[in-house]
Amino acid sequence: MFLVKNSSTMPSLVDRFLDGEMFDWSNRNFSNTNTTLPSVNIKDNAEAFKVEVAAPGFEKGDFKIELNRNLLTISSEKKTENETKEGEVFTKREFSYQSFTRSFTLPEIANGEAIKANYENGILTVEIPKREEAKPKPARMIEIN
């Protein structure tokens, strides 16, 4: 006697592959201008928070980083226009316009006055240091009198 699983109750490999986030193009992946939002990593350590934004093909001058109270906003707008020579006629021309805005609410322990940003190899890194009073203190010995 052979045991065979019913394929209708068990998702196929193709179904499981297509259900992944790779094919999730819901509104959370698009900006208001219907362009794809860049992926973001947020790291937290004892000294600072780091926000990494994947934005290949941009230049550091394409970004705008703004802090308004405790709201950090990272945005970019980039237009690519191809130059044409005299006498040329377009048979096909595809415009390139990319823009996005991502906003993050900073926690109370963030030091908004010391934020630094760097763009290298397609990754925009924004470092947000923590306030001194929020950093963990080493254990100390208490003398007994």
N, C-alpha and C. Protein backbone atom coordinates (compact mmCIF):
# COMPACT_ATOMS: atom_id res chain seq x y z
N MET A 1 0.84 -1.17 0.00
CA MET A 1 0.00 0.00 0.00
C MET A 1 0.88 1.24 0.00
N PHE A 2 0.56 2.18 -0.90
CA PHE A 2 1.32 3.42 -1.01
C PHE A 2 0.51 4.58 -0.44
N LEU A 3 1.20 5.48 0.25
CA LEU A 3 0.55 6.69 0.76
C LEU A 3 0.86 7.84 -0.17
N VAL A 4 -0.17 8.48 -0.66
CA VAL A 4 0.00 9.61 -1.56
C VAL A 4 -0.72 10.80 -0.96
N LYS A 5 -0.01 11.93 -0.87
CA LYS A 5 -0.64 13.14 -0.34
C LYS A 5 -1.50 13.76 -1.43
N ASN A 6 -2.63 14.28 -1.03
CA ASN A 6 -3.54 14.95 -1.94
C ASN A 6 -2.92 16.29 -2.34
N SER A 7 -2.68 16.50 -3.61
CA SER A 7 -2.02 17.71 -4.07
C SER A 7 -2.91 18.94 -3.93
N SER A 8 -4.22 18.76 -3.80
CA SER A 8 -5.10 19.92 -3.69
C SER A 8 -5.00 20.57 -2.31
N THR A 9 -4.54 19.83 -1.30
CA THR A 9 -4.42 20.43 0.03
C THR A 9 -2.99 20.89 0.32
N MET A 10 -2.06 20.49 -0.47
CA MET A 10 -0.67 20.87 -0.25
C MET A 10 -0.24 21.81 -1.38
N PRO A 11 0.21 23.04 -1.04
CA PRO A 11 0.58 23.98 -2.09
C PRO A 11 1.78 23.48 -2.90
N SER A 12 1.72 23.72 -4.17
CA SER A 12 2.82 23.29 -5.03
C SER A 12 4.01 24.21 -4.84
N LEU A 13 5.15 23.80 -5.29
CA LEU A 13 6.37 24.60 -5.21
C LEU A 13 6.18 25.92 -5.94
N VAL A 14 5.51 25.90 -7.07
CA VAL A 14 5.26 27.13 -7.83
C VAL A 14 4.38 28.08 -7.04
N ASP A 15 3.32 27.56 -6.40
CA ASP A 15 2.44 28.40 -5.59
C ASP A 15 3.21 29.05 -4.44
N ARG A 16 4.06 28.29 -3.79
CA ARG A 16 4.82 28.83 -2.67
C ARG A 16 5.81 29.88 -3.15
N PHE A 17 6.40 29.70 -4.31
CA PHE A 17 7.34 30.67 -4.86
C PHE A 17 6.62 31.97 -5.21
N LEU A 18 5.45 31.88 -5.85
CA LEU A 18 4.72 33.06 -6.26
C LEU A 18 4.06 33.80 -5.10
N ASP A 19 3.89 33.13 -3.97
CA ASP A 19 3.31 33.77 -2.80
C ASP A 19 4.32 34.61 -2.03
N GLY A 20 5.59 34.53 -2.38
CA GLY A 20 6.64 35.24 -1.65
C GLY A 20 6.55 36.74 -1.82
N GLU A 21 7.26 37.46 -0.96
CA GLU A 21 7.26 38.93 -1.01
C GLU A 21 7.82 39.47 -2.31
N MET A 22 8.60 38.67 -3.01
CA MET A 22 9.19 39.14 -4.26
C MET A 22 8.11 39.57 -5.24
N PHE A 23 6.95 38.95 -5.16
CA PHE A 23 5.87 39.28 -6.08
C PHE A 23 4.76 40.09 -5.43
N ASP A 24 5.04 40.64 -4.25
CA ASP A 24 4.06 41.47 -3.54
C ASP A 24 4.22 42.91 -3.99
N TRP A 25 3.40 43.34 -4.94
CA TRP A 25 3.48 44.71 -5.44
C TRP A 25 2.26 45.50 -4.99
N SER A 26 1.90 45.32 -3.72
CA SER A 26 0.79 46.09 -3.16
C SER A 26 1.23 47.53 -2.94
N ASN A 27 0.36 48.35 -2.41
CA ASN A 27 0.64 49.77 -2.23
C ASN A 27 1.82 50.04 -1.32
N ARG A 28 2.20 49.12 -0.46
CA ARG A 28 3.30 49.40 0.45
C ARG A 28 4.63 49.50 -0.29
N ASN A 29 4.73 49.02 -1.51
CA ASN A 29 5.97 49.08 -2.27
C ASN A 29 6.02 50.23 -3.27
N PHE A 30 4.98 51.06 -3.30
CA PHE A 30 4.94 52.15 -4.27
C PHE A 30 4.76 53.47 -3.56
N SER A 31 5.32 54.52 -4.12
CA SER A 31 5.14 55.87 -3.59
C SER A 31 3.88 56.48 -4.20
N ASN A 32 3.59 57.72 -3.85
CA ASN A 32 2.42 58.40 -4.39
C ASN A 32 2.52 58.63 -5.89
N THR A 33 3.74 58.61 -6.43
CA THR A 33 3.93 58.83 -7.86
C THR A 33 4.00 57.52 -8.63
N ASN A 34 3.60 56.41 -7.99
CA ASN A 34 3.61 55.07 -8.60
C ASN A 34 5.00 54.61 -9.01
N THR A 35 6.02 55.07 -8.31
CA THR A 35 7.36 54.55 -8.51
C THR A 35 7.68 53.63 -7.35
N THR A 36 8.56 52.69 -7.53
CA THR A 36 8.90 51.74 -6.49
C THR A 36 9.66 52.42 -5.36
N LEU A 37 9.25 52.16 -4.13
CA LEU A 37 9.96 52.69 -2.97
C LEU A 37 11.22 51.87 -2.74
N PRO A 38 12.31 52.53 -2.37
CA PRO A 38 13.53 51.77 -2.09
C PRO A 38 13.39 50.98 -0.79
N SER A 39 14.05 49.85 -0.73
CA SER A 39 14.06 49.03 0.47
C SER A 39 14.91 49.70 1.54
N VAL A 40 14.55 49.45 2.80
CA VAL A 40 15.23 50.09 3.92
C VAL A 40 15.60 49.04 4.96
N ASN A 41 16.81 49.15 5.50
CA ASN A 41 17.23 48.38 6.67
C ASN A 41 17.39 49.37 7.81
N ILE A 42 16.94 49.01 9.01
CA ILE A 42 17.15 49.84 10.18
C ILE A 42 17.89 49.00 11.21
N LYS A 43 19.07 49.49 11.62
CA LYS A 43 19.89 48.79 12.59
C LYS A 43 19.92 49.58 13.89
N ASP A 44 20.04 48.87 15.00
CA ASP A 44 20.06 49.49 16.31
C ASP A 44 21.20 48.86 17.12
N ASN A 45 22.11 49.71 17.62
CA ASN A 45 23.13 49.21 18.53
C ASN A 45 23.20 50.14 19.73
N ALA A 46 24.15 49.94 20.61
CA ALA A 46 24.23 50.72 21.85
C ALA A 46 24.49 52.20 21.58
N GLU A 47 25.15 52.53 20.49
CA GLU A 47 25.56 53.90 20.22
C GLU A 47 24.61 54.68 19.32
N ALA A 48 23.97 53.98 18.36
CA ALA A 48 23.21 54.72 17.34
C ALA A 48 22.22 53.81 16.62
N PHE A 49 21.35 54.47 15.85
CA PHE A 49 20.49 53.79 14.88
C PHE A 49 21.10 54.05 13.51
N LYS A 50 21.00 53.09 12.61
CA LYS A 50 21.45 53.29 11.23
C LYS A 50 20.30 52.94 10.30
N VAL A 51 20.00 53.86 9.40
CA VAL A 51 18.99 53.63 8.37
C VAL A 51 19.74 53.50 7.06
N GLU A 52 19.57 52.36 6.40
CA GLU A 52 20.21 52.11 5.10
C GLU A 52 19.11 52.07 4.04
N VAL A 53 19.26 52.92 3.02
CA VAL A 53 18.28 53.00 1.94
C VAL A 53 18.94 52.51 0.65
N ALA A 54 18.39 51.48 0.03
CA ALA A 54 18.93 50.96 -1.22
C ALA A 54 18.43 51.83 -2.37
N ALA A 55 19.34 52.64 -2.94
CA ALA A 55 18.97 53.55 -4.02
C ALA A 55 20.08 53.61 -5.06
N PRO A 56 20.30 52.51 -5.79
CA PRO A 56 21.36 52.52 -6.80
C PRO A 56 21.03 53.43 -7.97
N GLY A 57 22.04 54.00 -8.57
CA GLY A 57 21.85 54.85 -9.74
C GLY A 57 21.65 56.32 -9.39
N PHE A 58 21.59 56.64 -8.12
CA PHE A 58 21.45 58.02 -7.69
C PHE A 58 22.82 58.61 -7.39
N GLU A 59 22.85 59.90 -7.18
CA GLU A 59 24.04 60.58 -6.70
C GLU A 59 23.69 61.26 -5.39
N LYS A 60 24.70 61.57 -4.58
CA LYS A 60 24.39 62.11 -3.26
C LYS A 60 23.61 63.43 -3.34
N GLY A 61 23.78 64.19 -4.41
CA GLY A 61 23.04 65.42 -4.58
C GLY A 61 21.57 65.22 -4.93
N ASP A 62 21.18 63.98 -5.24
CA ASP A 62 19.78 63.69 -5.57
C ASP A 62 18.90 63.55 -4.32
N PHE A 63 19.52 63.43 -3.14
CA PHE A 63 18.78 63.17 -1.91
C PHE A 63 18.53 64.46 -1.12
N LYS A 64 17.43 64.43 -0.39
CA LYS A 64 17.11 65.50 0.55
C LYS A 64 16.75 64.80 1.86
N ILE A 65 17.45 65.16 2.94
CA ILE A 65 17.19 64.58 4.25
C ILE A 65 16.79 65.72 5.17
N GLU A 66 15.62 65.59 5.77
CA GLU A 66 15.09 66.67 6.60
C GLU A 66 14.62 66.12 7.94
N LEU A 67 14.91 66.86 9.01
CA LEU A 67 14.43 66.50 10.34
C LEU A 67 13.50 67.62 10.81
N ASN A 68 12.24 67.29 11.04
CA ASN A 68 11.25 68.24 11.53
C ASN A 68 10.69 67.67 12.82
N ARG A 69 11.11 68.27 13.94
CA ARG A 69 10.82 67.75 15.29
C ARG A 69 11.39 66.35 15.40
N ASN A 70 10.59 65.33 15.50
CA ASN A 70 11.14 63.97 15.58
C ASN A 70 10.82 63.14 14.33
N LEU A 71 10.49 63.81 13.23
CA LEU A 71 10.17 63.11 11.98
C LEU A 71 11.32 63.28 10.98
N LEU A 72 12.00 62.18 10.68
CA LEU A 72 13.10 62.17 9.71
C LEU A 72 12.52 61.79 8.36
N THR A 73 12.71 62.66 7.36
CA THR A 73 12.19 62.40 6.02
C THR A 73 13.34 62.33 5.03
N ILE A 74 13.40 61.24 4.29
CA ILE A 74 14.40 61.04 3.25
C ILE A 74 13.65 61.03 1.93
N SER A 75 14.05 61.90 1.00
CA SER A 75 13.36 61.96 -0.28
C SER A 75 14.36 62.16 -1.40
N SER A 76 13.90 61.91 -2.61
CA SER A 76 14.73 62.10 -3.78
C SER A 76 13.85 62.32 -4.99
N GLU A 77 14.37 63.08 -5.92
CA GLU A 77 13.69 63.33 -7.18
C GLU A 77 14.77 63.36 -8.25
N LYS A 78 14.62 62.52 -9.25
CA LYS A 78 15.65 62.43 -10.28
C LYS A 78 14.99 62.32 -11.64
N LYS A 79 15.40 63.19 -12.55
CA LYS A 79 14.92 63.14 -13.92
C LYS A 79 16.11 62.85 -14.83
N THR A 80 15.92 61.98 -15.79
CA THR A 80 16.95 61.70 -16.77
C THR A 80 16.43 62.09 -18.14
N GLU A 81 17.12 63.00 -18.77
CA GLU A 81 16.71 63.44 -20.10
C GLU A 81 17.86 63.18 -21.06
N ASN A 82 17.53 62.55 -22.16
CA ASN A 82 18.54 62.28 -23.18
C ASN A 82 18.62 63.46 -24.13
N GLU A 83 19.83 63.85 -24.42
CA GLU A 83 20.04 64.97 -25.33
C GLU A 83 19.91 64.48 -26.77
N THR A 84 19.29 65.28 -27.61
CA THR A 84 19.19 64.91 -29.01
C THR A 84 19.99 65.89 -29.85
N LYS A 85 20.47 65.40 -30.95
CA LYS A 85 21.25 66.23 -31.87
C LYS A 85 20.33 66.80 -32.93
N GLU A 86 20.76 67.86 -33.55
CA GLU A 86 19.97 68.50 -34.59
C GLU A 86 19.74 67.52 -35.74
N GLY A 87 18.51 67.47 -36.21
CA GLY A 87 18.17 66.59 -37.32
C GLY A 87 17.68 65.22 -36.88
N GLU A 88 17.76 64.91 -35.59
CA GLU A 88 17.29 63.61 -35.10
C GLU A 88 15.78 63.64 -34.90
N VAL A 89 15.17 62.49 -35.13
CA VAL A 89 13.74 62.34 -34.92
C VAL A 89 13.53 61.16 -33.98
N PHE A 90 12.65 61.32 -33.01
CA PHE A 90 12.37 60.23 -32.09
C PHE A 90 11.50 59.19 -32.77
N THR A 91 11.93 57.94 -32.73
CA THR A 91 11.05 56.84 -33.11
C THR A 91 10.54 56.18 -31.84
N LYS A 92 11.30 56.31 -30.77
CA LYS A 92 10.89 55.84 -29.45
C LYS A 92 11.76 56.54 -28.43
N ARG A 93 11.14 57.04 -27.38
CA ARG A 93 11.90 57.67 -26.30
C ARG A 93 11.17 57.38 -25.01
N GLU A 94 11.87 56.82 -24.05
CA GLU A 94 11.27 56.51 -22.77
C GLU A 94 11.80 57.48 -21.73
N PHE A 95 10.89 58.17 -21.09
CA PHE A 95 11.28 59.12 -20.05
C PHE A 95 11.69 58.36 -18.80
N SER A 96 12.56 58.96 -18.03
CA SER A 96 12.95 58.37 -16.76
C SER A 96 12.75 59.40 -15.67
N TYR A 97 11.86 59.11 -14.76
CA TYR A 97 11.59 59.99 -13.64
C TYR A 97 11.45 59.12 -12.40
N GLN A 98 12.27 59.39 -11.41
CA GLN A 98 12.22 58.61 -10.19
C GLN A 98 12.09 59.56 -9.01
N SER A 99 11.17 59.26 -8.12
CA SER A 99 11.06 60.03 -6.89
C SER A 99 10.52 59.12 -5.79
N PHE A 100 10.89 59.44 -4.56
CA PHE A 100 10.34 58.72 -3.42
C PHE A 100 10.45 59.60 -2.18
N THR A 101 9.66 59.25 -1.20
CA THR A 101 9.73 59.88 0.11
C THR A 101 9.50 58.81 1.15
N ARG A 102 10.40 58.70 2.10
CA ARG A 102 10.25 57.78 3.23
C ARG A 102 10.39 58.60 4.50
N SER A 103 9.51 58.39 5.46
CA SER A 103 9.56 59.13 6.72
C SER A 103 9.61 58.15 7.89
N PHE A 104 10.37 58.55 8.92
CA PHE A 104 10.56 57.73 10.11
C PHE A 104 10.42 58.60 11.35
N THR A 105 9.66 58.14 12.32
CA THR A 105 9.53 58.85 13.58
C THR A 105 10.66 58.41 14.49
N LEU A 106 11.47 59.37 14.92
CA LEU A 106 12.61 59.05 15.77
C LEU A 106 12.15 58.88 17.22
N PRO A 107 12.74 57.93 17.93
CA PRO A 107 12.39 57.77 19.34
C PRO A 107 13.00 58.90 20.18
N GLU A 108 12.52 59.05 21.40
CA GLU A 108 13.01 60.10 22.30
C GLU A 108 14.51 60.00 22.55
N ILE A 109 15.06 58.80 22.49
CA ILE A 109 16.48 58.63 22.82
C ILE A 109 17.41 59.02 21.67
N ALA A 110 16.88 59.38 20.51
CA ALA A 110 17.71 59.76 19.36
C ALA A 110 18.21 61.19 19.53
N ASN A 111 19.45 61.42 19.11
CA ASN A 111 20.04 62.75 19.14
C ASN A 111 19.95 63.34 17.74
N GLY A 112 18.89 64.07 17.48
CA GLY A 112 18.65 64.64 16.16
C GLY A 112 19.66 65.68 15.73
N GLU A 113 20.39 66.25 16.68
CA GLU A 113 21.37 67.29 16.37
C GLU A 113 22.66 66.72 15.76
N ALA A 114 22.89 65.43 15.87
CA ALA A 114 24.15 64.85 15.43
C ALA A 114 23.99 63.83 14.30
N ILE A 115 22.93 63.93 13.52
CA ILE A 115 22.68 62.98 12.43
C ILE A 115 23.69 63.20 11.30
N LYS A 116 24.21 62.09 10.77
CA LYS A 116 25.15 62.12 9.65
C LYS A 116 24.62 61.23 8.54
N ALA A 117 24.98 61.57 7.31
CA ALA A 117 24.55 60.75 6.17
C ALA A 117 25.71 60.53 5.21
N ASN A 118 25.69 59.37 4.54
CA ASN A 118 26.73 59.02 3.58
C ASN A 118 26.08 58.21 2.46
N TYR A 119 26.50 58.46 1.21
CA TYR A 119 25.99 57.68 0.08
C TYR A 119 27.18 57.02 -0.60
N GLU A 120 27.16 55.70 -0.65
CA GLU A 120 28.26 54.96 -1.25
C GLU A 120 27.75 53.64 -1.82
N ASN A 121 28.18 53.32 -3.03
CA ASN A 121 27.83 52.05 -3.70
C ASN A 121 26.33 51.78 -3.73
N GLY A 122 25.53 52.81 -3.98
CA GLY A 122 24.09 52.64 -4.12
C GLY A 122 23.32 52.56 -2.82
N ILE A 123 23.99 52.76 -1.68
CA ILE A 123 23.34 52.70 -0.37
C ILE A 123 23.49 54.04 0.33
N LEU A 124 22.37 54.65 0.68
CA LEU A 124 22.37 55.86 1.49
C LEU A 124 22.28 55.41 2.94
N THR A 125 23.27 55.79 3.75
CA THR A 125 23.31 55.42 5.16
C THR A 125 23.13 56.68 6.00
N VAL A 126 22.11 56.66 6.85
CA VAL A 126 21.85 57.78 7.76
C VAL A 126 22.09 57.26 9.17
N GLU A 127 23.05 57.86 9.86
CA GLU A 127 23.38 57.44 11.21
C GLU A 127 22.79 58.43 12.21
N ILE A 128 22.00 57.91 13.14
CA ILE A 128 21.32 58.72 14.13
C ILE A 128 21.85 58.31 15.50
N PRO A 129 22.77 59.10 16.07
CA PRO A 129 23.32 58.73 17.38
C PRO A 129 22.25 58.78 18.48
N LYS A 130 22.50 58.03 19.54
CA LYS A 130 21.61 58.06 20.69
C LYS A 130 22.12 59.11 21.68
N ARG A 131 21.22 59.66 22.46
CA ARG A 131 21.59 60.61 23.51
C ARG A 131 22.46 59.89 24.54
N GLU A 132 23.38 60.62 25.15
CA GLU A 132 24.29 60.03 26.13
C GLU A 132 23.55 59.33 27.25
N GLU A 133 22.47 59.94 27.74
CA GLU A 133 21.74 59.35 28.86
C GLU A 133 21.03 58.05 28.47
N ALA A 134 20.87 57.80 27.17
CA ALA A 134 20.19 56.58 26.71
C ALA A 134 21.17 55.43 26.47
N LYS A 135 22.46 55.74 26.38
CA LYS A 135 23.44 54.70 26.13
C LYS A 135 23.63 53.85 27.38
N PRO A 136 23.82 52.54 27.20
CA PRO A 136 23.98 51.67 28.37
C PRO A 136 25.27 52.01 29.12
N LYS A 137 25.16 52.01 30.42
CA LYS A 137 26.31 52.29 31.28
C LYS A 137 26.90 50.96 31.74
N PRO A 138 28.23 50.89 31.86
CA PRO A 138 28.84 49.65 32.36
C PRO A 138 28.48 49.45 33.84
N ALA A 139 28.47 48.22 34.24
CA ALA A 139 28.20 47.92 35.65
C ALA A 139 29.28 48.53 36.51
N ARG A 140 28.90 49.02 37.68
CA ARG A 140 29.90 49.59 38.58
C ARG A 140 29.74 48.94 39.95
N MET A 141 30.82 48.87 40.61
CA MET A 141 30.83 48.29 41.96
C MET A 141 30.43 49.39 42.95
N ILE A 142 29.62 49.02 43.91
CA ILE A 142 29.19 49.95 44.95
C ILE A 142 29.86 49.55 46.25
N GLU A 143 30.53 50.50 46.82
CA GLU A 143 31.27 50.24 48.06
C GLU A 143 30.30 50.15 49.23
N ILE A 144 30.56 49.20 50.09
CA ILE A 144 29.74 49.01 51.30
C ILE A 144 30.47 49.65 52.46
N ASN A 145 29.82 50.54 53.18
CA ASN A 145 30.42 51.22 54.35
C ASN A 145 30.14 50.45 55.62
